[in-house]
């Protein structure tokens, strides 16, 4: 009867536990299961060893062939597109997260990723993880770690990993604030403080119709029917977010004026765009303009469109 053994050895962050056993083919397996720094104990190592031996006996467990994280992450992304109804925006966010993960873990074997790697990865993202070498926000970092957890969990479900090293890994603390809506009086004050006419129209569209900022920035002129006073949201975070909204007269007047001002008025052009190139507005431009107007009218509470 196979018993296996537990090996303890000193690591950089305390004692490390490794289990040793033979799989169904008779091949001897050594697997590092955790360290004291992660709260691991010898009792937990005993449980892990017992679990592997049980798999060998009942399922004929054989150690899977090594697979690189980058290869498996791409497989996760492909599988997700087939099985989930991701919107275009969600898919873009997940692709960006996978690219960040592959930059860090892509050439590592899936089975070599440990919780210390995950715990060190999050703070590094917040320091240098952006496209420009600047740090990511806590929210973007959390999204990337969530994708990592999902990828590794799929590997656990497929029995390529015995446990998920991203489970209960440290995550950045999200800002402790409660966004609120502006009152009608505050909305009028902010609208009056905005200098750029295009930002004025965009702000009024959000105030009266309530689209997400990403939905607003993806609007094209083919989605706006001034003759019918209707606006269609066709690019949303979820498929359920696609909808048609009636345009009130005050906003219709603003949109008509904006249409006359802009050089980019073909059906395929963005409604709100860079005035010199017609490129899609970067959300930072709108947020900065609104923040300036909020400060000017003395609103210090956190406000998000």
Protein backbone atom coordinates (compact mmCIF):
# COMPACT_ATOMS: atom_id res chain seq x y z
CA UNK A 1 0.00 0.00 0.00
CA UNK A 2 1.37 3.37 -1.01
CA UNK A 3 2.03 5.75 1.86
CA UNK A 4 4.03 8.59 0.39
CA UNK A 5 6.03 11.06 2.43
CA UNK A 6 6.30 14.71 3.39
CA UNK A 7 9.47 16.71 2.90
CA UNK A 8 10.12 19.94 4.79
CA UNK A 9 12.83 22.37 3.80
CA UNK A 10 13.69 26.00 4.62
CA UNK A 11 12.60 28.65 2.12
CA UNK A 12 13.08 32.40 1.84
CA UNK A 13 9.80 33.03 3.64
CA UNK A 14 9.81 30.16 6.12
CA UNK A 15 9.43 26.40 6.06
CA UNK A 16 8.16 24.87 2.78
CA UNK A 17 6.21 21.61 2.55
CA UNK A 18 6.55 19.15 -0.32
CA UNK A 19 4.74 15.83 -0.76
CA UNK A 20 6.16 12.75 -2.47
CA UNK A 21 4.14 9.84 -3.86
CA UNK A 22 3.80 7.60 -6.93
CA UNK A 23 1.08 8.09 -9.54
CA UNK A 24 -0.86 5.29 -11.25
CA UNK A 25 1.95 4.73 -13.75
CA UNK A 26 4.45 4.18 -10.92
CA UNK A 27 6.21 7.47 -11.59
CA UNK A 28 7.47 9.17 -8.46
CA UNK A 29 5.96 12.64 -8.02
CA UNK A 30 7.27 15.46 -5.87
CA UNK A 31 4.95 18.41 -5.46
CA UNK A 32 5.36 21.58 -3.39
CA UNK A 33 2.04 22.23 -1.66
CA UNK A 34 2.63 25.34 0.47
CA UNK A 35 4.73 27.22 2.98
CA UNK A 36 4.42 28.56 6.51
CA UNK A 37 4.27 32.07 5.05
CA UNK A 38 0.96 31.11 3.40
CA UNK A 39 -0.39 29.60 6.62
CA UNK A 40 0.48 26.06 5.60
CA UNK A 41 1.21 23.44 8.28
CA UNK A 42 2.36 19.85 8.34
CA UNK A 43 -1.21 18.76 9.06
CA UNK A 44 -2.37 20.45 5.84
CA UNK A 45 0.48 18.80 3.95
CA UNK A 46 -0.71 15.44 5.35
CA UNK A 47 -4.23 16.20 4.03
CA UNK A 48 -2.86 17.08 0.58
CA UNK A 49 -0.82 13.87 0.47
CA UNK A 50 -3.85 11.78 1.49
CA UNK A 51 -5.91 13.46 -1.23
CA UNK A 52 -3.33 12.63 -3.95
CA UNK A 53 -3.04 9.01 -2.86
CA UNK A 54 -6.84 8.69 -2.88
CA UNK A 55 -6.91 10.01 -6.45
CA UNK A 56 -4.27 7.50 -7.49
CA UNK A 57 -6.26 4.61 -6.02
CA UNK A 58 -9.76 5.61 -7.16
CA UNK A 59 -9.14 7.52 -10.41
CA UNK A 60 -5.83 6.14 -11.59
CA UNK A 61 -4.29 9.60 -11.26
CA UNK A 62 -1.31 10.32 -13.49
CA UNK A 63 0.56 13.55 -13.33
CA UNK A 64 -0.53 15.69 -16.31
CA UNK A 65 2.01 16.81 -18.87
CA UNK A 66 3.45 20.25 -18.11
CA UNK A 67 1.60 23.13 -19.77
CA UNK A 68 2.69 26.77 -19.91
CA UNK A 69 0.43 29.31 -18.26
CA UNK A 70 0.31 31.45 -21.41
CA UNK A 71 -0.97 28.54 -23.49
CA UNK A 72 -3.61 27.68 -20.92
CA UNK A 73 -4.70 31.31 -20.43
CA UNK A 74 -5.36 31.63 -24.17
CA UNK A 75 -7.39 28.41 -24.00
CA UNK A 76 -9.43 29.89 -21.11
CA UNK A 77 -10.14 33.01 -23.16
CA UNK A 78 -11.29 30.98 -26.17
CA UNK A 79 -13.49 28.75 -24.01
CA UNK A 80 -15.01 31.79 -22.31
CA UNK A 81 -15.99 33.40 -25.59
CA UNK A 82 -17.86 30.24 -26.58
CA UNK A 83 -19.62 29.52 -23.28
CA UNK A 84 -20.32 33.10 -22.07
CA UNK A 85 -22.27 35.92 -23.65
CA UNK A 86 -19.53 38.49 -23.11
CA UNK A 87 -20.11 41.97 -24.48
CA UNK A 88 -17.42 43.56 -26.66
CA UNK A 89 -16.30 45.75 -23.75
CA UNK A 90 -16.01 42.81 -21.35
CA UNK A 91 -14.07 40.79 -23.92
CA UNK A 92 -11.63 43.67 -24.45
CA UNK A 93 -11.10 43.98 -20.68
CA UNK A 94 -10.46 40.23 -20.34
CA UNK A 95 -8.05 40.19 -23.28
CA UNK A 96 -6.10 43.04 -21.70
CA UNK A 97 -6.04 41.21 -18.35
CA UNK A 98 -4.78 38.01 -20.03
CA UNK A 99 -2.06 40.02 -21.77
CA UNK A 100 -0.91 41.42 -18.42
CA UNK A 101 -0.97 37.94 -16.91
CA UNK A 102 1.01 36.46 -19.80
CA UNK A 103 3.65 39.16 -19.43
CA UNK A 104 4.21 37.91 -15.89
CA UNK A 105 3.37 34.19 -15.95
CA UNK A 106 3.21 33.28 -19.65
CA UNK A 107 6.46 31.27 -19.79
CA UNK A 108 5.93 29.61 -16.39
CA UNK A 109 4.53 26.11 -16.11
CA UNK A 110 0.97 26.21 -14.84
CA UNK A 111 1.86 23.87 -11.99
CA UNK A 112 4.75 26.09 -10.86
CA UNK A 113 2.57 29.08 -9.93
CA UNK A 114 2.28 29.49 -6.17
CA UNK A 115 0.39 31.86 -3.91
CA UNK A 116 3.51 33.98 -3.19
CA UNK A 117 3.73 34.67 -6.95
CA UNK A 118 0.12 35.89 -6.93
CA UNK A 119 0.59 37.98 -3.77
CA UNK A 120 3.65 39.68 -5.25
CA UNK A 121 1.98 40.22 -8.63
CA UNK A 122 -0.86 42.45 -7.37
CA UNK A 123 1.32 45.17 -5.79
CA UNK A 124 3.60 45.11 -8.83
CA UNK A 125 0.61 45.82 -11.09
CA UNK A 126 -0.28 48.83 -8.97
CA UNK A 127 3.26 50.15 -9.37
CA UNK A 128 4.14 49.44 -13.01
CA UNK A 129 1.32 47.43 -14.60
CA UNK A 130 -0.13 50.04 -16.97
CA UNK A 131 0.49 50.27 -20.72
CA UNK A 132 2.66 53.36 -20.12
CA UNK A 133 4.62 51.80 -17.27
CA UNK A 134 2.53 53.66 -14.69
CA UNK A 135 0.61 51.83 -12.00
CA UNK A 136 -2.86 50.35 -12.44
CA UNK A 137 -5.82 51.40 -10.32
CA UNK A 138 -7.02 49.12 -7.54
CA UNK A 139 -10.09 48.31 -9.63
CA UNK A 140 -8.08 47.27 -12.73
CA UNK A 141 -5.68 45.27 -10.56
CA UNK A 142 -8.59 43.46 -8.92
CA UNK A 143 -10.08 42.62 -12.32
CA UNK A 144 -6.75 41.14 -13.48
CA UNK A 145 -6.47 39.04 -10.32
CA UNK A 146 -10.07 37.88 -10.77
CA UNK A 147 -9.23 36.68 -14.29
CA UNK A 148 -6.15 34.89 -12.91
CA UNK A 149 -8.31 33.17 -10.29
CA UNK A 150 -10.79 32.07 -12.99
CA UNK A 151 -8.03 30.66 -15.23
CA UNK A 152 -6.46 28.69 -12.39
CA UNK A 153 -9.87 27.48 -11.19
CA UNK A 154 -10.57 26.03 -14.64
CA UNK A 155 -7.25 24.19 -14.34
CA UNK A 156 -8.37 22.82 -10.96
CA UNK A 157 -11.70 21.71 -12.45
CA UNK A 158 -9.82 19.92 -15.24
CA UNK A 159 -7.58 18.31 -12.59
CA UNK A 160 -4.46 19.97 -13.98
CA UNK A 161 -3.95 21.59 -10.57
CA UNK A 162 -4.85 20.26 -7.15
CA UNK A 163 -5.64 23.67 -5.67
CA UNK A 164 -6.02 27.26 -6.82
CA UNK A 165 -3.01 29.38 -5.76
CA UNK A 166 -5.05 32.54 -6.35
CA UNK A 167 -7.72 31.49 -3.83
CA UNK A 168 -7.83 34.01 -0.97
CA UNK A 169 -4.73 35.73 -2.34
CA UNK A 170 -4.22 39.32 -1.21
CA UNK A 171 -6.08 41.91 -3.29
CA UNK A 172 -5.81 45.69 -3.24
CA UNK A 173 -8.31 47.55 -1.14
CA UNK A 174 -10.83 49.33 -3.31
CA UNK A 175 -11.52 53.01 -2.59
CA UNK A 176 -13.92 53.39 0.34
CA UNK A 177 -16.48 55.73 -1.17
CA UNK A 178 -20.11 55.74 -2.18
CA UNK A 179 -20.76 57.46 -5.52
CA UNK A 180 -23.93 59.52 -5.51
CA UNK A 181 -26.19 61.18 -8.03
CA UNK A 182 -26.15 64.94 -8.43
CA UNK A 183 -29.25 66.87 -7.43
CA UNK A 184 -31.08 68.82 -10.18
CA UNK A 185 -29.62 72.06 -8.82
CA UNK A 186 -26.08 70.63 -8.79
CA UNK A 187 -26.56 69.28 -12.31
CA UNK A 188 -27.49 72.76 -13.57
CA UNK A 189 -24.49 74.29 -11.78
CA UNK A 190 -22.04 71.75 -13.22
CA UNK A 191 -23.52 72.12 -16.70
CA UNK A 192 -23.04 75.89 -16.49
CA UNK A 193 -19.42 75.49 -15.35
CA UNK A 194 -18.39 73.28 -18.28
CA UNK A 195 -16.52 75.30 -20.91
CA UNK A 196 -16.23 72.85 -23.82
CA UNK A 197 -19.53 72.66 -25.79
CA UNK A 198 -18.99 68.99 -26.68
CA UNK A 199 -18.46 68.10 -23.02
CA UNK A 200 -21.63 70.07 -22.18
CA UNK A 201 -23.66 67.96 -24.60
CA UNK A 202 -22.09 64.72 -23.35
CA UNK A 203 -22.75 65.66 -19.74
CA UNK A 204 -26.38 66.52 -20.49
CA UNK A 205 -26.79 63.18 -22.29
CA UNK A 206 -25.57 61.32 -19.21
CA UNK A 207 -27.64 63.46 -16.84
CA UNK A 208 -30.90 62.99 -18.77
CA UNK A 209 -30.57 59.50 -20.27
CA UNK A 210 -28.24 57.74 -17.83
CA UNK A 211 -25.92 55.75 -20.15
CA UNK A 212 -22.65 54.37 -18.84
CA UNK A 213 -19.66 56.47 -19.86
CA UNK A 214 -18.41 53.59 -22.04
CA UNK A 215 -21.81 53.46 -23.76
CA UNK A 216 -21.69 57.20 -24.37
CA UNK A 217 -18.20 57.07 -25.87
CA UNK A 218 -19.22 54.26 -28.25
CA UNK A 219 -22.21 56.14 -29.68
CA UNK A 220 -22.08 56.72 -33.43
CA UNK A 221 -24.30 59.01 -35.44
CA UNK A 222 -26.10 56.01 -36.94
CA UNK A 223 -27.29 55.27 -33.39
CA UNK A 224 -28.94 58.68 -33.05
CA UNK A 225 -32.20 59.55 -34.86
CA UNK A 226 -32.93 63.21 -34.32
CA UNK A 227 -35.98 63.02 -36.59
CA UNK A 228 -37.49 60.29 -34.38
CA UNK A 229 -36.02 61.66 -31.13
CA UNK A 230 -34.51 58.24 -30.34
CA UNK A 231 -31.05 57.11 -29.28
CA UNK A 232 -29.90 53.47 -29.42
CA UNK A 233 -27.32 51.94 -27.09
CA UNK A 234 -25.77 49.13 -29.16
CA UNK A 235 -22.41 48.75 -27.38
CA UNK A 236 -22.96 47.93 -23.72
CA UNK A 237 -21.31 46.04 -20.90
CA UNK A 238 -23.99 43.36 -21.21
CA UNK A 239 -26.29 42.29 -24.02
CA UNK A 240 -29.23 43.24 -21.82
CA UNK A 241 -27.85 46.79 -21.79
CA UNK A 242 -28.65 47.30 -25.49
CA UNK A 243 -31.71 49.54 -25.66
CA UNK A 244 -33.54 52.40 -27.35
CA UNK A 245 -34.17 55.62 -25.41
CA UNK A 246 -36.39 58.60 -26.14
CA UNK A 247 -34.52 61.92 -26.42
CA UNK A 248 -36.19 64.84 -24.59
CA UNK A 249 -36.51 68.12 -26.47
CA UNK A 250 -33.82 69.97 -24.49
CA UNK A 251 -31.25 67.27 -25.31
CA UNK A 252 -32.43 67.00 -28.91
CA UNK A 253 -31.69 70.71 -29.35
CA UNK A 254 -28.20 70.24 -27.88
CA UNK A 255 -27.47 67.25 -30.12
CA UNK A 256 -28.64 69.15 -33.20
CA UNK A 257 -26.28 72.02 -32.34
CA UNK A 258 -23.45 69.54 -31.71
CA UNK A 259 -24.14 67.88 -35.07
CA UNK A 260 -23.84 71.24 -36.82
CA UNK A 261 -20.58 72.07 -35.02
CA UNK A 262 -18.71 68.82 -35.56
CA UNK A 263 -16.77 68.00 -38.72
CA UNK A 264 -17.35 64.28 -38.14
CA UNK A 265 -21.02 63.65 -38.89
CA UNK A 266 -21.04 60.52 -41.08
CA UNK A 267 -23.06 57.58 -39.79
CA UNK A 268 -19.91 55.68 -38.81
CA UNK A 269 -18.36 58.63 -36.93
CA UNK A 270 -18.43 58.77 -33.15
CA UNK A 271 -20.90 61.30 -31.73
CA UNK A 272 -18.37 62.40 -29.11
CA UNK A 273 -14.86 62.35 -30.51
CA UNK A 274 -11.52 64.09 -30.70
CA UNK A 275 -12.23 67.37 -32.53
CA UNK A 276 -9.08 67.12 -34.69
CA UNK A 277 -9.05 63.45 -35.64
CA UNK A 278 -12.52 62.04 -35.07
CA UNK A 279 -11.01 59.30 -32.88
CA UNK A 280 -13.00 57.96 -29.97
CA UNK A 281 -12.78 60.13 -26.88
CA UNK A 282 -10.58 58.78 -24.11
CA UNK A 283 -12.70 58.55 -20.93
CA UNK A 284 -9.97 60.41 -19.04
CA UNK A 285 -10.68 63.54 -21.11
CA UNK A 286 -14.35 63.58 -20.10
CA UNK A 287 -13.67 62.74 -16.45
CA UNK A 288 -11.04 65.48 -16.16
CA UNK A 289 -13.40 68.08 -17.64
CA UNK A 290 -16.22 67.06 -15.29
CA UNK A 291 -13.92 67.01 -12.27
CA UNK A 292 -12.80 70.56 -13.10
CA UNK A 293 -16.42 71.70 -13.30
CA UNK A 294 -17.30 69.94 -10.02
CA UNK A 295 -14.41 71.65 -8.27
CA UNK A 296 -15.43 75.03 -9.70
CA UNK A 297 -18.94 74.78 -8.24
CA UNK A 298 -17.64 73.45 -4.91
CA UNK A 299 -18.78 69.80 -5.08
CA UNK A 300 -16.26 67.65 -3.25
CA UNK A 301 -18.27 64.41 -2.96
CA UNK A 302 -17.27 61.57 -5.23
CA UNK A 303 -19.30 61.60 -8.45
CA UNK A 304 -19.05 59.10 -11.27
CA UNK A 305 -20.99 59.37 -14.53
